[in-house]
Amino acid sequence: MVEAIAARDGASVAGQIAGAARRLQAGGADFFAICCNTVHEYAD
């Protein structure tokens, strides 16, 4: 993630986070939060 952020590869960063969110949802999570400020650059 650090390497993708440094390379300004927002698609990679967002893809990794979104994939994690989908796995959380499959595990029954009702909502989610990202434990990091920096990656919120790609929150949308």
PDB file of all heavy atoms in Angstrom:
ATOM      1  N   MET A   1       0.834  -1.202   0.000  1.00  0.00           N
ATOM      2  CA  MET A   1       0.000   0.000   0.000  1.00  0.00           C
ATOM      3  C   MET A   1       0.869   1.253   0.000  1.00  0.00           C
ATOM      4  O   MET A   1       0.610   2.212  -0.733  1.00  0.00           O
ATOM      5  CB  MET A   1      -0.907  -0.013   1.231  1.00  0.00           C
ATOM      6  CG  MET A   1      -2.019   1.023   1.205  1.00  0.00           C
ATOM      7  SD  MET A   1      -3.395   0.502   0.191  1.00  0.00           S
ATOM      8  CE  MET A   1      -4.018  -0.883   1.132  1.00  0.00           C
ATOM      9  N   VAL A   2       1.923   1.246   0.809  1.00  0.00           N
ATOM     10  CA  VAL A   2       2.853   2.384   0.854  1.00  0.00           C
ATOM     11  C   VAL A   2       3.450   2.629  -0.527  1.00  0.00           C
ATOM     12  O   VAL A   2       3.545   3.772  -0.998  1.00  0.00           O
ATOM     13  CB  VAL A   2       3.969   2.124   1.889  1.00  0.00           C
ATOM     14  CG1 VAL A   2       5.090   3.145   1.744  1.00  0.00           C
ATOM     15  CG2 VAL A   2       3.399   2.158   3.303  1.00  0.00           C
ATOM     16  N   GLU A   3       3.838   1.550  -1.197  1.00  0.00           N
ATOM     17  CA  GLU A   3       4.440   1.672  -2.522  1.00  0.00           C
ATOM     18  C   GLU A   3       3.439   2.196  -3.543  1.00  0.00           C
ATOM     19  O   GLU A   3       3.778   3.027  -4.398  1.00  0.00           O
ATOM     20  CB  GLU A   3       5.009   0.320  -2.948  1.00  0.00           C
ATOM     21  CG  GLU A   3       6.182  -0.134  -2.075  1.00  0.00           C
ATOM     22  CD  GLU A   3       6.585  -1.578  -2.314  1.00  0.00           C
ATOM     23  OE1 GLU A   3       5.991  -2.223  -3.209  1.00  0.00           O
ATOM     24  OE2 GLU A   3       7.491  -2.060  -1.605  1.00  0.00           O
ATOM     25  N   ALA A   4       2.193   1.736  -3.456  1.00  0.00           N
ATOM     26  CA  ALA A   4       1.158   2.202  -4.386  1.00  0.00           C
ATOM     27  C   ALA A   4       0.830   3.669  -4.153  1.00  0.00           C
ATOM     28  O   ALA A   4       0.625   4.431  -5.106  1.00  0.00           O
ATOM     29  CB  ALA A   4      -0.096   1.338  -4.238  1.00  0.00           C
ATOM     30  N   ILE A   5       0.802   4.084  -2.887  1.00  0.00           N
ATOM     31  CA  ILE A   5       0.537   5.486  -2.570  1.00  0.00           C
ATOM     32  C   ILE A   5       1.660   6.363  -3.113  1.00  0.00           C
ATOM     33  O   ILE A   5       1.413   7.405  -3.726  1.00  0.00           O
ATOM     34  CB  ILE A   5       0.379   5.680  -1.045  1.00  0.00           C
ATOM     35  CG1 ILE A   5      -0.899   4.999  -0.544  1.00  0.00           C
ATOM     36  CG2 ILE A   5       0.349   7.165  -0.690  1.00  0.00           C
ATOM     37  CD1 ILE A   5      -0.997   4.910   0.962  1.00  0.00           C
ATOM     38  N   ALA A   6       2.900   5.943  -2.909  1.00  0.00           N
ATOM     39  CA  ALA A   6       4.052   6.715  -3.384  1.00  0.00           C
ATOM     40  C   ALA A   6       4.062   6.822  -4.899  1.00  0.00           C
ATOM     41  O   ALA A   6       4.471   7.842  -5.460  1.00  0.00           O
ATOM     42  CB  ALA A   6       5.350   6.078  -2.897  1.00  0.00           C
ATOM     43  N   ALA A   7       3.563   5.780  -5.577  1.00  0.00           N
ATOM     44  CA  ALA A   7       3.498   5.783  -7.034  1.00  0.00           C
ATOM     45  C   ALA A   7       2.258   6.491  -7.558  1.00  0.00           C
ATOM     46  O   ALA A   7       2.069   6.572  -8.771  1.00  0.00           O
ATOM     47  CB  ALA A   7       3.524   4.343  -7.550  1.00  0.00           C
ATOM     48  N   ARG A   8       1.431   6.987  -6.638  1.00  0.00           N
ATOM     49  CA  ARG A   8       0.166   7.661  -6.975  1.00  0.00           C
ATOM     50  C   ARG A   8      -0.764   6.727  -7.743  1.00  0.00           C
ATOM     51  O   ARG A   8      -1.496   7.153  -8.655  1.00  0.00           O
ATOM     52  CB  ARG A   8       0.403   8.957  -7.769  1.00  0.00           C
ATOM     53  CG  ARG A   8       1.503   9.855  -7.239  1.00  0.00           C
ATOM     54  CD  ARG A   8       1.384  10.154  -5.731  1.00  0.00           C
ATOM     55  NE  ARG A   8       0.252  10.979  -5.385  1.00  0.00           N
ATOM     56  CZ  ARG A   8      -0.483  10.817  -4.282  1.00  0.00           C
ATOM     57  NH1 ARG A   8      -0.202   9.837  -3.428  1.00  0.00           N
ATOM     58  NH2 ARG A   8      -1.503  11.606  -4.032  1.00  0.00           N
ATOM     59  N   ASP A   9      -0.737   5.459  -7.380  1.00  0.00           N
ATOM     60  CA  ASP A   9      -1.570   4.447  -8.027  1.00  0.00           C
ATOM     61  C   ASP A   9      -2.866   4.292  -7.239  1.00  0.00           C
ATOM     62  O   ASP A   9      -3.054   3.331  -6.486  1.00  0.00           O
ATOM     63  CB  ASP A   9      -0.810   3.122  -8.109  1.00  0.00           C
ATOM     64  CG  ASP A   9      -1.534   2.065  -8.939  1.00  0.00           C
ATOM     65  OD1 ASP A   9      -2.697   2.318  -9.336  1.00  0.00           O
ATOM     66  OD2 ASP A   9      -0.941   0.991  -9.164  1.00  0.00           O
ATOM     67  N   GLY A  10      -3.748   5.265  -7.417  1.00  0.00           N
ATOM     68  CA  GLY A  10      -4.991   5.267  -6.667  1.00  0.00           C
ATOM     69  C   GLY A  10      -5.863   4.064  -6.948  1.00  0.00           C
ATOM     70  O   GLY A  10      -6.571   3.573  -6.062  1.00  0.00           O
ATOM     71  N   ALA A  11      -5.834   3.553  -8.177  1.00  0.00           N
ATOM     72  CA  ALA A  11      -6.656   2.397  -8.524  1.00  0.00           C
ATOM     73  C   ALA A  11      -6.240   1.175  -7.711  1.00  0.00           C
ATOM     74  O   ALA A  11      -7.093   0.410  -7.238  1.00  0.00           O
ATOM     75  CB  ALA A  11      -6.547   2.104 -10.015  1.00  0.00           C
ATOM     76  N   SER A  12      -4.918   1.018  -7.514  1.00  0.00           N
ATOM     77  CA  SER A  12      -4.438  -0.113  -6.727  1.00  0.00           C
ATOM     78  C   SER A  12      -4.826   0.035  -5.264  1.00  0.00           C
ATOM     79  O   SER A  12      -5.307  -0.913  -4.633  1.00  0.00           O
ATOM     80  CB  SER A  12      -2.920  -0.230  -6.853  1.00  0.00           C
ATOM     81  OG  SER A  12      -2.424  -1.249  -5.998  1.00  0.00           O
ATOM     82  N   VAL A  13      -4.616   1.236  -4.708  1.00  0.00           N
ATOM     83  CA  VAL A  13      -4.958   1.482  -3.309  1.00  0.00           C
ATOM     84  C   VAL A  13      -6.446   1.235  -3.076  1.00  0.00           C
ATOM     85  O   VAL A  13      -6.844   0.490  -2.171  1.00  0.00           O
ATOM     86  CB  VAL A  13      -4.587   2.917  -2.885  1.00  0.00           C
ATOM     87  CG1 VAL A  13      -5.075   3.200  -1.466  1.00  0.00           C
ATOM     88  CG2 VAL A  13      -3.082   3.140  -2.980  1.00  0.00           C
ATOM     89  N   ALA A  14      -7.271   1.868  -3.913  1.00  0.00           N
ATOM     90  CA  ALA A  14      -8.719   1.735  -3.751  1.00  0.00           C
ATOM     91  C   ALA A  14      -9.172   0.299  -3.963  1.00  0.00           C
ATOM     92  O   ALA A  14     -10.078  -0.186  -3.266  1.00  0.00           O
ATOM     93  CB  ALA A  14      -9.436   2.668  -4.718  1.00  0.00           C
ATOM     94  N   GLY A  15      -8.537  -0.394  -4.909  1.00  0.00           N
ATOM     95  CA  GLY A  15      -8.920  -1.775  -5.174  1.00  0.00           C
ATOM     96  C   GLY A  15      -8.644  -2.676  -3.986  1.00  0.00           C
ATOM     97  O   GLY A  15      -9.462  -3.543  -3.647  1.00  0.00           O
ATOM     98  N   GLN A  16      -7.493  -2.459  -3.335  1.00  0.00           N
ATOM     99  CA  GLN A  16      -7.167  -3.266  -2.161  1.00  0.00           C
ATOM    100  C   GLN A  16      -8.136  -2.994  -1.013  1.00  0.00           C
ATOM    101  O   GLN A  16      -8.588  -3.922  -0.333  1.00  0.00           O
ATOM    102  CB  GLN A  16      -5.732  -2.977  -1.705  1.00  0.00           C
ATOM    103  CG  GLN A  16      -4.657  -3.437  -2.679  1.00  0.00           C
ATOM    104  CD  GLN A  16      -3.263  -3.077  -2.203  1.00  0.00           C
ATOM    105  OE1 GLN A  16      -2.808  -3.573  -1.164  1.00  0.00           O
ATOM    106  NE2 GLN A  16      -2.580  -2.213  -2.924  1.00  0.00           N
ATOM    107  N   ILE A  17      -8.455  -1.726  -0.796  1.00  0.00           N
ATOM    108  CA  ILE A  17      -9.370  -1.371   0.295  1.00  0.00           C
ATOM    109  C   ILE A  17     -10.783  -1.869  -0.002  1.00  0.00           C
ATOM    110  O   ILE A  17     -11.458  -2.427   0.877  1.00  0.00           O
ATOM    111  CB  ILE A  17      -9.389   0.156   0.513  1.00  0.00           C
ATOM    112  CG1 ILE A  17      -7.998   0.673   0.902  1.00  0.00           C
ATOM    113  CG2 ILE A  17     -10.418   0.534   1.578  1.00  0.00           C
ATOM    114  CD1 ILE A  17      -7.502   0.197   2.227  1.00  0.00           C
ATOM    115  N   ALA A  18     -11.241  -1.664  -1.233  1.00  0.00           N
ATOM    116  CA  ALA A  18     -12.591  -2.099  -1.603  1.00  0.00           C
ATOM    117  C   ALA A  18     -12.722  -3.618  -1.510  1.00  0.00           C
ATOM    118  O   ALA A  18     -13.759  -4.145  -1.078  1.00  0.00           O
ATOM    119  CB  ALA A  18     -12.940  -1.620  -3.009  1.00  0.00           C
ATOM    120  N   GLY A  19     -11.665  -4.333  -1.902  1.00  0.00           N
ATOM    121  CA  GLY A  19     -11.690  -5.786  -1.772  1.00  0.00           C
ATOM    122  C   GLY A  19     -11.826  -6.202  -0.318  1.00  0.00           C
ATOM    123  O   GLY A  19     -12.575  -7.128   0.019  1.00  0.00           O
ATOM    124  N   ALA A  20     -11.102  -5.506   0.561  1.00  0.00           N
ATOM    125  CA  ALA A  20     -11.209  -5.783   1.993  1.00  0.00           C
ATOM    126  C   ALA A  20     -12.616  -5.486   2.493  1.00  0.00           C
ATOM    127  O   ALA A  20     -13.170  -6.240   3.303  1.00  0.00           O
ATOM    128  CB  ALA A  20     -10.183  -4.954   2.758  1.00  0.00           C
ATOM    129  N   ALA A  21     -13.208  -4.384   2.007  1.00  0.00           N
ATOM    130  CA  ALA A  21     -14.568  -4.025   2.428  1.00  0.00           C
ATOM    131  C   ALA A  21     -15.573  -5.087   1.999  1.00  0.00           C
ATOM    132  O   ALA A  21     -16.486  -5.442   2.762  1.00  0.00           O
ATOM    133  CB  ALA A  21     -14.950  -2.670   1.843  1.00  0.00           C
ATOM    134  N   ARG A  22     -15.401  -5.626   0.807  1.00  0.00           N
ATOM    135  CA  ARG A  22     -16.322  -6.675   0.347  1.00  0.00           C
ATOM    136  C   ARG A  22     -16.184  -7.937   1.194  1.00  0.00           C
ATOM    137  O   ARG A  22     -17.177  -8.607   1.497  1.00  0.00           O
ATOM    138  CB  ARG A  22     -16.074  -6.976  -1.135  1.00  0.00           C
ATOM    139  CG  ARG A  22     -16.545  -5.863  -2.071  1.00  0.00           C
ATOM    140  CD  ARG A  22     -16.523  -6.308  -3.522  1.00  0.00           C
ATOM    141  NE  ARG A  22     -15.171  -6.514  -4.024  1.00  0.00           N
ATOM    142  CZ  ARG A  22     -14.425  -5.572  -4.584  1.00  0.00           C
ATOM    143  NH1 ARG A  22     -14.898  -4.336  -4.711  1.00  0.00           N
ATOM    144  NH2 ARG A  22     -13.213  -5.853  -5.032  1.00  0.00           N
ATOM    145  N   ARG A  23     -14.961  -8.251   1.598  1.00  0.00           N
ATOM    146  CA  ARG A  23     -14.768  -9.421   2.466  1.00  0.00           C
ATOM    147  C   ARG A  23     -15.381  -9.175   3.846  1.00  0.00           C
ATOM    148  O   ARG A  23     -15.941 -10.093   4.461  1.00  0.00           O
ATOM    149  CB  ARG A  23     -13.280  -9.753   2.573  1.00  0.00           C
ATOM    150  CG  ARG A  23     -12.678 -10.254   1.273  1.00  0.00           C
ATOM    151  CD  ARG A  23     -11.265 -10.799   1.443  1.00  0.00           C
ATOM    152  NE  ARG A  23     -10.284  -9.791   1.805  1.00  0.00           N
ATOM    153  CZ  ARG A  23      -9.630  -9.028   0.934  1.00  0.00           C
ATOM    154  NH1 ARG A  23      -9.870  -9.132  -0.358  1.00  0.00           N
ATOM    155  NH2 ARG A  23      -8.726  -8.148   1.339  1.00  0.00           N
ATOM    156  N   LEU A  24     -15.270  -7.947   4.330  1.00  0.00           N
ATOM    157  CA  LEU A  24     -15.907  -7.606   5.605  1.00  0.00           C
ATOM    158  C   LEU A  24     -17.418  -7.760   5.508  1.00  0.00           C
ATOM    159  O   LEU A  24     -18.073  -8.297   6.415  1.00  0.00           O
ATOM    160  CB  LEU A  24     -15.548  -6.171   6.000  1.00  0.00           C
ATOM    161  CG  LEU A  24     -14.105  -5.922   6.432  1.00  0.00           C
ATOM    162  CD1 LEU A  24     -13.849  -4.422   6.565  1.00  0.00           C
ATOM    163  CD2 LEU A  24     -13.792  -6.627   7.749  1.00  0.00           C
ATOM    164  N   GLN A  25     -17.977  -7.278   4.402  1.00  0.00           N
ATOM    165  CA  GLN A  25     -19.424  -7.380   4.212  1.00  0.00           C
ATOM    166  C   GLN A  25     -19.860  -8.843   4.137  1.00  0.00           C
ATOM    167  O   GLN A  25     -20.882  -9.233   4.721  1.00  0.00           O
ATOM    168  CB  GLN A  25     -19.829  -6.638   2.945  1.00  0.00           C
ATOM    169  CG  GLN A  25     -21.339  -6.503   2.762  1.00  0.00           C
ATOM    170  CD  GLN A  25     -21.689  -5.550   1.633  1.00  0.00           C
ATOM    171  OE1 GLN A  25     -20.916  -5.362   0.680  1.00  0.00           O
ATOM    172  NE2 GLN A  25     -22.849  -4.921   1.728  1.00  0.00           N
ATOM    173  N   ALA A  26     -19.083  -9.657   3.448  1.00  0.00           N
ATOM    174  CA  ALA A  26     -19.392 -11.085   3.360  1.00  0.00           C
ATOM    175  C   ALA A  26     -19.335 -11.743   4.730  1.00  0.00           C
ATOM    176  O   ALA A  26     -20.031 -12.738   4.986  1.00  0.00           O
ATOM    177  CB  ALA A  26     -18.426 -11.777   2.404  1.00  0.00           C
ATOM    178  N   GLY A  27     -18.510 -11.164   5.622  1.00  0.00           N
ATOM    179  CA  GLY A  27     -18.395 -11.686   6.978  1.00  0.00           C
ATOM    180  C   GLY A  27     -19.404 -11.112   7.942  1.00  0.00           C
ATOM    181  O   GLY A  27     -19.334 -11.379   9.148  1.00  0.00           O
ATOM    182  N   GLY A  28     -20.336 -10.317   7.428  1.00  0.00           N
ATOM    183  CA  GLY A  28     -21.436  -9.831   8.260  1.00  0.00           C
ATOM    184  C   GLY A  28     -21.306  -8.420   8.781  1.00  0.00           C
ATOM    185  O   GLY A  28     -22.167  -7.960   9.548  1.00  0.00           O
ATOM    186  N   ALA A  29     -20.251  -7.688   8.383  1.00  0.00           N
ATOM    187  CA  ALA A  29     -20.106  -6.300   8.847  1.00  0.00           C
ATOM    188  C   ALA A  29     -21.235  -5.441   8.294  1.00  0.00           C
ATOM    189  O   ALA A  29     -21.628  -5.567   7.126  1.00  0.00           O
ATOM    190  CB  ALA A  29     -18.759  -5.733   8.419  1.00  0.00           C
ATOM    191  N   ASP A  30     -21.766  -4.551   9.137  1.00  0.00           N
ATOM    192  CA  ASP A  30     -22.848  -3.658   8.740  1.00  0.00           C
ATOM    193  C   ASP A  30     -22.331  -2.344   8.161  1.00  0.00           C
ATOM    194  O   ASP A  30     -23.057  -1.645   7.450  1.00  0.00           O
ATOM    195  CB  ASP A  30     -23.740  -3.355   9.947  1.00  0.00           C
ATOM    196  CG  ASP A  30     -24.475  -4.586  10.437  1.00  0.00           C
ATOM    197  OD1 ASP A  30     -25.271  -5.139   9.662  1.00  0.00           O
ATOM    198  OD2 ASP A  30     -24.245  -5.004  11.586  1.00  0.00           O
ATOM    199  N   PHE A  31     -21.108  -1.986   8.480  1.00  0.00           N
ATOM    200  CA  PHE A  31     -20.448  -0.794   7.954  1.00  0.00           C
ATOM    201  C   PHE A  31     -18.963  -0.982   8.187  1.00  0.00           C
ATOM    202  O   PHE A  31     -18.539  -1.961   8.817  1.00  0.00           O
ATOM    203  CB  PHE A  31     -20.960   0.482   8.634  1.00  0.00           C
ATOM    204  CG  PHE A  31     -20.569   0.622  10.087  1.00  0.00           C
ATOM    205  CD1 PHE A  31     -19.525   1.458  10.473  1.00  0.00           C
ATOM    206  CD2 PHE A  31     -21.250  -0.080  11.088  1.00  0.00           C
ATOM    207  CE1 PHE A  31     -19.154   1.593  11.803  1.00  0.00           C
ATOM    208  CE2 PHE A  31     -20.884   0.047  12.422  1.00  0.00           C
ATOM    209  CZ  PHE A  31     -19.839   0.887  12.780  1.00  0.00           C
ATOM    210  N   PHE A  32     -18.147  -0.050   7.681  1.00  0.00           N
ATOM    211  CA  PHE A  32     -16.713  -0.228   7.886  1.00  0.00           C
ATOM    212  C   PHE A  32     -15.997   1.099   8.026  1.00  0.00           C
ATOM    213  O   PHE A  32     -16.524   2.169   7.703  1.00  0.00           O
ATOM    214  CB  PHE A  32     -16.090  -1.054   6.759  1.00  0.00           C
ATOM    215  CG  PHE A  32     -15.815  -0.333   5.464  1.00  0.00           C
ATOM    216  CD1 PHE A  32     -14.515  -0.084   5.040  1.00  0.00           C
ATOM    217  CD2 PHE A  32     -16.857   0.068   4.640  1.00  0.00           C
ATOM    218  CE1 PHE A  32     -14.249   0.556   3.844  1.00  0.00           C
ATOM    219  CE2 PHE A  32     -16.606   0.704   3.423  1.00  0.00           C
ATOM    220  CZ  PHE A  32     -15.296   0.957   3.022  1.00  0.00           C
ATOM    221  N   ALA A  33     -14.773   0.998   8.539  1.00  0.00           N
ATOM    222  CA  ALA A  33     -13.889   2.149   8.679  1.00  0.00           C
ATOM    223  C   ALA A  33     -12.489   1.719   8.287  1.00  0.00           C
ATOM    224  O   ALA A  33     -12.115   0.553   8.468  1.00  0.00           O
ATOM    225  CB  ALA A  33     -13.900   2.678  10.113  1.00  0.00           C
ATOM    226  N   ILE A  34     -11.734   2.658   7.748  1.00  0.00           N
ATOM    227  CA  ILE A  34     -10.352   2.399   7.353  1.00  0.00           C
ATOM    228  C   ILE A  34      -9.447   3.003   8.414  1.00  0.00           C
ATOM    229  O   ILE A  34      -9.533   4.206   8.695  1.00  0.00           O
ATOM    230  CB  ILE A  34     -10.043   3.023   5.982  1.00  0.00           C
ATOM    231  CG1 ILE A  34     -11.072   2.572   4.933  1.00  0.00           C
ATOM    232  CG2 ILE A  34      -8.632   2.674   5.541  1.00  0.00           C
ATOM    233  CD1 ILE A  34     -11.027   3.395   3.652  1.00  0.00           C
ATOM    234  N   CYS A  35      -8.591   2.198   9.003  1.00  0.00           N
ATOM    235  CA  CYS A  35      -7.746   2.646  10.125  1.00  0.00           C
ATOM    236  C   CYS A  35      -6.490   3.354   9.618  1.00  0.00           C
ATOM    237  O   CYS A  35      -5.356   2.970   9.949  1.00  0.00           O
ATOM    238  CB  CYS A  35      -7.373   1.461  11.010  1.00  0.00           C
ATOM    239  SG  CYS A  35      -8.773   0.526  11.622  1.00  0.00           S
ATOM    240  N   CYS A  36      -6.687   4.398   8.835  1.00  0.00           N
ATOM    241  CA  CYS A  36      -5.575   5.132   8.240  1.00  0.00           C
ATOM    242  C   CYS A  36      -6.132   6.423   7.644  1.00  0.00           C
ATOM    243  O   CYS A  36      -7.176   6.396   6.976  1.00  0.00           O
ATOM    244  CB  CYS A  36      -4.915   4.293   7.147  1.00  0.00           C
ATOM    245  SG  CYS A  36      -3.586   5.109   6.251  1.00  0.00           S
ATOM    246  N   ASN A  37      -5.452   7.536   7.890  1.00  0.00           N
ATOM    247  CA  ASN A  37      -5.870   8.802   7.298  1.00  0.00           C
ATOM    248  C   ASN A  37      -5.524   8.884   5.811  1.00  0.00           C
ATOM    249  O   ASN A  37      -6.347   9.241   4.981  1.00  0.00           O
ATOM    250  CB  ASN A  37      -5.184   9.978   8.012  1.00  0.00           C
ATOM    251  CG  ASN A  37      -5.804  10.310   9.351  1.00  0.00           C
ATOM    252  OD1 ASN A  37      -6.702  11.121   9.462  1.00  0.00           O
ATOM    253  ND2 ASN A  37      -5.300   9.677  10.401  1.00  0.00           N
ATOM    254  N   THR A  38      -4.270   8.539   5.482  1.00  0.00           N
ATOM    255  CA  THR A  38      -3.733   8.807   4.151  1.00  0.00           C
ATOM    256  C   THR A  38      -4.539   8.176   3.029  1.00  0.00           C
ATOM    257  O   THR A  38      -4.785   8.821   1.991  1.00  0.00           O
ATOM    258  CB  THR A  38      -2.264   8.334   4.066  1.00  0.00           C
ATOM    259  OG1 THR A  38      -1.503   9.011   5.069  1.00  0.00           O
ATOM    260  CG2 THR A  38      -1.681   8.622   2.700  1.00  0.00           C
ATOM    261  N   VAL A  39      -4.968   6.929   3.202  1.00  0.00           N
ATOM    262  CA  VAL A  39      -5.658   6.255   2.101  1.00  0.00           C
ATOM    263  C   VAL A  39      -7.043   6.840   1.836  1.00  0.00           C
ATOM    264  O   VAL A  39      -7.663   6.527   0.816  1.00  0.00           O
ATOM    265  CB  VAL A  39      -5.757   4.734   2.337  1.00  0.00           C
ATOM    266  CG1 VAL A  39      -4.381   4.114   2.438  1.00  0.00           C
ATOM    267  CG2 VAL A  39      -6.594   4.408   3.554  1.00  0.00           C
ATOM    268  N   HIS A  40      -7.512   7.730   2.710  1.00  0.00           N
ATOM    269  CA  HIS A  40      -8.799   8.382   2.452  1.00  0.00           C
ATOM    270  C   HIS A  40      -8.725   9.339   1.262  1.00  0.00           C
ATOM    271  O   HIS A  40      -9.760   9.835   0.809  1.00  0.00           O
ATOM    272  CB  HIS A  40      -9.297   9.108   3.703  1.00  0.00           C
ATOM    273  CG  HIS A  40      -9.953   8.187   4.691  1.00  0.00           C
ATOM    274  ND1 HIS A  40      -9.232   7.352   5.512  1.00  0.00           N
ATOM    275  CD2 HIS A  40     -11.258   7.962   4.977  1.00  0.00           C
ATOM    276  CE1 HIS A  40     -10.069   6.658   6.268  1.00  0.00           C
ATOM    277  NE2 HIS A  40     -11.297   6.998   5.964  1.00  0.00           N
ATOM    278  N   GLU A  41      -7.521   9.580   0.757  1.00  0.00           N
ATOM    279  CA  GLU A  41      -7.417  10.328  -0.491  1.00  0.00           C
ATOM    280  C   GLU A  41      -8.229   9.638  -1.585  1.00  0.00           C
ATOM    281  O   GLU A  41      -8.746  10.285  -2.497  1.00  0.00           O
ATOM    282  CB  GLU A  41      -5.952  10.446  -0.922  1.00  0.00           C
ATOM    283  CG  GLU A  41      -5.766  11.184  -2.234  1.00  0.00           C
ATOM    284  CD  GLU A  41      -4.323  11.381  -2.629  1.00  0.00           C
ATOM    285  OE1 GLU A  41      -3.415  10.912  -1.888  1.00  0.00           O
ATOM    286  OE2 GLU A  41      -4.086  12.017  -3.670  1.00  0.00           O
ATOM    287  N   TYR A  42      -8.359   8.321  -1.473  1.00  0.00           N
ATOM    288  CA  TYR A  42      -9.051   7.532  -2.493  1.00  0.00           C
ATOM    289  C   TYR A  42     -10.392   6.992  -1.994  1.00  0.00           C
ATOM    290  O   TYR A  42     -10.907   6.008  -2.515  1.00  0.00           O
ATOM    291  CB  TYR A  42      -8.144   6.391  -2.949  1.00  0.00           C
ATOM    292  CG  TYR A  42      -6.796   6.875  -3.425  1.00  0.00           C
ATOM    293  CD1 TYR A  42      -5.639   6.616  -2.688  1.00  0.00           C
ATOM    294  CD2 TYR A  42      -6.678   7.635  -4.587  1.00  0.00           C
ATOM    295  CE1 TYR A  42      -4.404   7.083  -3.110  1.00  0.00           C
ATOM    296  CE2 TYR A  42      -5.448   8.113  -5.014  1.00  0.00           C
ATOM    297  CZ  TYR A  42      -4.314   7.831  -4.273  1.00  0.00           C
ATOM    298  OH  TYR A  42      -3.093   8.305  -4.689  1.00  0.00           O
ATOM    299  N   ALA A  43     -10.953   7.652  -0.983  1.00  0.00           N
ATOM    300  CA  ALA A  43     -12.206   7.170  -0.389  1.00  0.00           C
ATOM    301  C   ALA A  43     -13.335   7.102  -1.407  1.00  0.00           C
ATOM    302  O   ALA A  43     -14.138   6.159  -1.392  1.00  0.00           O
ATOM    303  CB  ALA A  43     -12.603   8.059   0.786  1.00  0.00           C
ATOM    304  N   ASP A  44     -13.413   8.080  -2.295  1.00  0.00           N
ATOM    305  CA  ASP A  44     -14.488   8.066  -3.291  1.00  0.00           C
ATOM    306  C   ASP A  44     -14.348   6.874  -4.238  1.00  0.00           C
ATOM    307  O   ASP A  44     -15.359   6.279  -4.651  1.00  0.00           O
ATOM    308  CB  ASP A  44     -14.500   9.370  -4.087  1.00  0.00           C
ATOM    309  CG  ASP A  44     -14.977  10.556  -3.270  1.00  0.00           C
ATOM    310  OD1 ASP A  44     -15.570  10.336  -2.191  1.00  0.00           O
ATOM    311  OD2 ASP A  44     -14.750  11.707  -3.692  1.00  0.00           O
TER     312      ASP A  44
END
